[in-house]
Structures are given as structure tokens and as C-alpha cells.
């Protein structure tokens, strides 16, 4: 399993957000590096995204919400969701769930 995973739920439709393109990047003063790309599965999850082990540092998850909302026939105010977070302990698994609707999103550190 990847060191960083995500789970996207469509709170407007009340089910998992399947088919959301997701990109994982490492971020530092020099810029960013893509570590992996994937698409959420039927349960809205991405279990395989980037390396199994990571270093401490800053990372970014980028969700292509425009592609998802277009595919589901919904309006889209946020065409992209970009979540930057810090990994302090690379020995831990980092799960970043996203609750998504056409006009809002919420995220948190999951387990």
C-alpha cells in the first residue's frame, strides 16, 4: 500500500466519488515532483498512489474535480482541489479523505 492514500466521497450525491483523477506530489523550495497518479475506484478510494515509503516533508494531493463533476453532470465551482500537508513521521501511514460537493470540500487527517 502507498504511504499516502485518499478516499473521496461525493456528499451532494451521497456516494463514493468514483473516477476522480488524483496526483501526488512532493513539494519543496525548488518546486514539486510528481510521485504518482491514479483514479479513484468504485468506492472512491486510491490505495496505490506513489511510493510505499516516503521521507518527512511536504506533499500535495491534487484532485481533478472538474473531470469528475463533468462526468457526473454536476456544476463545478472548484475545478481542482489541491491539498498541501506535512509528513513529520514517515513511518506512519497518511490517509487524507475528502468530502466533496460542487460548491465545497472538506478534508482531514484520516486513519
C-alpha atoms as a PDB file:
ATOM      1  CA  UNK A   1       0.000   0.000   0.000  1.00  0.00           C
ATOM      2  CA  UNK A   2       1.153   3.525  -0.691  1.00  0.00           C
ATOM      3  CA  UNK A   3       2.407   5.628   2.195  1.00  0.00           C
ATOM      4  CA  UNK A   4      -0.224   8.236   1.292  1.00  0.00           C
ATOM      5  CA  UNK A   5      -3.791   7.296   0.351  1.00  0.00           C
ATOM      6  CA  UNK A   6      -7.097   9.092  -0.127  1.00  0.00           C
ATOM      7  CA  UNK A   7     -10.837   8.412  -0.130  1.00  0.00           C
ATOM      8  CA  UNK A   8     -13.213  10.812  -1.914  1.00  0.00           C
ATOM      9  CA  UNK A   9     -16.916  10.920  -1.078  1.00  0.00           C
ATOM     10  CA  UNK A  10     -19.486  12.934  -3.052  1.00  0.00           C
ATOM     11  CA  UNK A  11     -21.621  14.480  -0.322  1.00  0.00           C
ATOM     12  CA  UNK A  12     -24.035  16.048  -2.837  1.00  0.00           C
ATOM     13  CA  UNK A  13     -24.946  12.709  -4.403  1.00  0.00           C
ATOM     14  CA  UNK A  14     -24.413  10.684  -1.239  1.00  0.00           C
ATOM     15  CA  UNK A  15     -21.974   8.089  -2.547  1.00  0.00           C
ATOM     16  CA  UNK A  16     -18.275   7.490  -3.247  1.00  0.00           C
ATOM     17  CA  UNK A  17     -16.737   9.695  -5.929  1.00  0.00           C
ATOM     18  CA  UNK A  18     -15.549   7.140  -8.474  1.00  0.00           C
ATOM     19  CA  UNK A  19     -13.358   8.268 -11.351  1.00  0.00           C
ATOM     20  CA  UNK A  20     -11.623  11.282  -9.769  1.00  0.00           C
ATOM     21  CA  UNK A  21      -8.108  11.722 -11.202  1.00  0.00           C
ATOM     22  CA  UNK A  22      -5.614  12.205  -8.339  1.00  0.00           C
ATOM     23  CA  UNK A  23      -1.954  13.241  -8.410  1.00  0.00           C
ATOM     24  CA  UNK A  24       0.545  13.021  -5.527  1.00  0.00           C
ATOM     25  CA  UNK A  25       3.488  15.409  -5.480  1.00  0.00           C
ATOM     26  CA  UNK A  26       6.386  16.081  -3.144  1.00  0.00           C
ATOM     27  CA  UNK A  27       6.822  19.818  -2.560  1.00  0.00           C
ATOM     28  CA  UNK A  28       9.965  21.722  -1.598  1.00  0.00           C
ATOM     29  CA  UNK A  29      11.592  25.122  -2.129  1.00  0.00           C
ATOM     30  CA  UNK A  30      12.689  24.118  -5.631  1.00  0.00           C
ATOM     31  CA  UNK A  31       9.161  23.204  -6.740  1.00  0.00           C
ATOM     32  CA  UNK A  32       7.281  19.934  -6.932  1.00  0.00           C
ATOM     33  CA  UNK A  33       7.843  16.412  -8.215  1.00  0.00           C
ATOM     34  CA  UNK A  34       5.057  14.058  -9.271  1.00  0.00           C
ATOM     35  CA  UNK A  35       5.286  10.831  -7.254  1.00  0.00           C
ATOM     36  CA  UNK A  36       2.221   9.105  -8.651  1.00  0.00           C
ATOM     37  CA  UNK A  37      -1.114   9.401 -10.397  1.00  0.00           C
ATOM     38  CA  UNK A  38      -4.267   7.333 -10.096  1.00  0.00           C
ATOM     39  CA  UNK A  39      -8.042   7.472 -10.363  1.00  0.00           C
ATOM     40  CA  UNK A  40     -10.452   6.750  -7.526  1.00  0.00           C
ATOM     41  CA  UNK A  41     -12.075   3.321  -7.731  1.00  0.00           C
ATOM     42  CA  UNK A  42     -15.783   2.463  -7.424  1.00  0.00           C
ATOM     43  CA  UNK A  43     -15.521   3.011  -3.650  1.00  0.00           C
ATOM     44  CA  UNK A  44     -13.891   6.435  -4.136  1.00  0.00           C
ATOM     45  CA  UNK A  45     -10.528   5.158  -2.893  1.00  0.00           C
ATOM     46  CA  UNK A  46      -6.963   5.319  -4.131  1.00  0.00           C
ATOM     47  CA  UNK A  47      -4.854   2.721  -2.349  1.00  0.00           C
ATOM     48  CA  UNK A  48      -1.953   2.718  -4.795  1.00  0.00           C
ATOM     49  CA  UNK A  49      -0.613   6.247  -5.218  1.00  0.00           C
ATOM     50  CA  UNK A  50       3.105   6.789  -5.132  1.00  0.00           C
ATOM     51  CA  UNK A  51       5.779   5.032  -3.129  1.00  0.00           C
ATOM     52  CA  UNK A  52       5.289   2.680  -0.180  1.00  0.00           C
ATOM     53  CA  UNK A  53       7.842   4.692   1.824  1.00  0.00           C
ATOM     54  CA  UNK A  54       8.318   8.452   1.869  1.00  0.00           C
ATOM     55  CA  UNK A  55      10.597  10.960   3.571  1.00  0.00           C
ATOM     56  CA  UNK A  56       9.491  13.607   6.026  1.00  0.00           C
ATOM     57  CA  UNK A  57       8.463  16.749   4.184  1.00  0.00           C
ATOM     58  CA  UNK A  58       5.632  18.487   2.371  1.00  0.00           C
ATOM     59  CA  UNK A  59       3.303  16.732  -0.043  1.00  0.00           C
ATOM     60  CA  UNK A  60       0.395  17.763  -2.230  1.00  0.00           C
ATOM     61  CA  UNK A  61      -2.659  15.807  -3.354  1.00  0.00           C
ATOM     62  CA  UNK A  62      -4.301  17.316  -6.428  1.00  0.00           C
ATOM     63  CA  UNK A  63      -7.816  16.177  -7.354  1.00  0.00           C
ATOM     64  CA  UNK A  64      -9.136  16.928 -10.850  1.00  0.00           C
ATOM     65  CA  UNK A  65     -12.657  17.655  -9.684  1.00  0.00           C
ATOM     66  CA  UNK A  66     -13.659  19.268 -12.998  1.00  0.00           C
ATOM     67  CA  UNK A  67     -13.299  15.898 -14.744  1.00  0.00           C
ATOM     68  CA  UNK A  68     -15.396  14.208 -12.056  1.00  0.00           C
ATOM     69  CA  UNK A  69     -18.156  16.829 -11.989  1.00  0.00           C
ATOM     70  CA  UNK A  70     -18.356  16.889 -15.784  1.00  0.00           C
ATOM     71  CA  UNK A  71     -18.692  13.097 -15.863  1.00  0.00           C
ATOM     72  CA  UNK A  72     -21.465  13.185 -13.247  1.00  0.00           C
ATOM     73  CA  UNK A  73     -23.331  16.119 -14.807  1.00  0.00           C
ATOM     74  CA  UNK A  74     -22.823  18.453 -11.855  1.00  0.00           C
ATOM     75  CA  UNK A  75     -21.851  22.119 -11.719  1.00  0.00           C
ATOM     76  CA  UNK A  76     -18.297  22.805 -10.657  1.00  0.00           C
ATOM     77  CA  UNK A  77     -17.078  25.784  -8.644  1.00  0.00           C
ATOM     78  CA  UNK A  78     -13.749  24.206  -7.640  1.00  0.00           C
ATOM     79  CA  UNK A  79     -12.281  22.600 -10.789  1.00  0.00           C
ATOM     80  CA  UNK A  80      -9.270  21.413  -8.810  1.00  0.00           C
ATOM     81  CA  UNK A  81      -8.678  20.643  -5.146  1.00  0.00           C
ATOM     82  CA  UNK A  82      -5.067  20.996  -4.037  1.00  0.00           C
ATOM     83  CA  UNK A  83      -4.215  19.788  -0.534  1.00  0.00           C
ATOM     84  CA  UNK A  84      -0.755  20.508   0.857  1.00  0.00           C
ATOM     85  CA  UNK A  85       0.232  18.749   4.073  1.00  0.00           C
ATOM     86  CA  UNK A  86       3.331  17.941   6.093  1.00  0.00           C
ATOM     87  CA  UNK A  87       4.554  14.445   6.877  1.00  0.00           C
ATOM     88  CA  UNK A  88       6.513  14.643  10.121  1.00  0.00           C
ATOM     89  CA  UNK A  89       6.787  10.906  10.778  1.00  0.00           C
ATOM     90  CA  UNK A  90       7.412   8.930   7.586  1.00  0.00           C
ATOM     91  CA  UNK A  91       6.951   5.646   9.479  1.00  0.00           C
ATOM     92  CA  UNK A  92       3.218   6.360   9.773  1.00  0.00           C
ATOM     93  CA  UNK A  93       0.620   5.806   7.073  1.00  0.00           C
ATOM     94  CA  UNK A  94      -1.034   9.055   5.930  1.00  0.00           C
ATOM     95  CA  UNK A  95      -4.665   8.859   4.794  1.00  0.00           C
ATOM     96  CA  UNK A  96      -6.287  12.056   3.511  1.00  0.00           C
ATOM     97  CA  UNK A  97     -10.064  11.713   2.979  1.00  0.00           C
ATOM     98  CA  UNK A  98     -12.004  14.351   1.024  1.00  0.00           C
ATOM     99  CA  UNK A  99     -15.708  15.131   1.305  1.00  0.00           C
ATOM    100  CA  UNK A 100     -16.663  16.758  -1.986  1.00  0.00           C
ATOM    101  CA  UNK A 101     -19.610  18.669  -3.398  1.00  0.00           C
ATOM    102  CA  UNK A 102     -19.853  21.048  -6.370  1.00  0.00           C
ATOM    103  CA  UNK A 103     -19.513  24.126  -4.146  1.00  0.00           C
ATOM    104  CA  UNK A 104     -17.472  22.934  -1.164  1.00  0.00           C
ATOM    105  CA  UNK A 105     -14.954  20.407   0.082  1.00  0.00           C
ATOM    106  CA  UNK A 106     -13.673  19.260   3.448  1.00  0.00           C
ATOM    107  CA  UNK A 107     -10.613  17.238   4.305  1.00  0.00           C
ATOM    108  CA  UNK A 108      -8.909  15.870   7.396  1.00  0.00           C
ATOM    109  CA  UNK A 109      -6.150  13.536   8.537  1.00  0.00           C
ATOM    110  CA  UNK A 110      -7.693  10.096   8.473  1.00  0.00           C
ATOM    111  CA  UNK A 111      -6.522   6.791   9.856  1.00  0.00           C
END
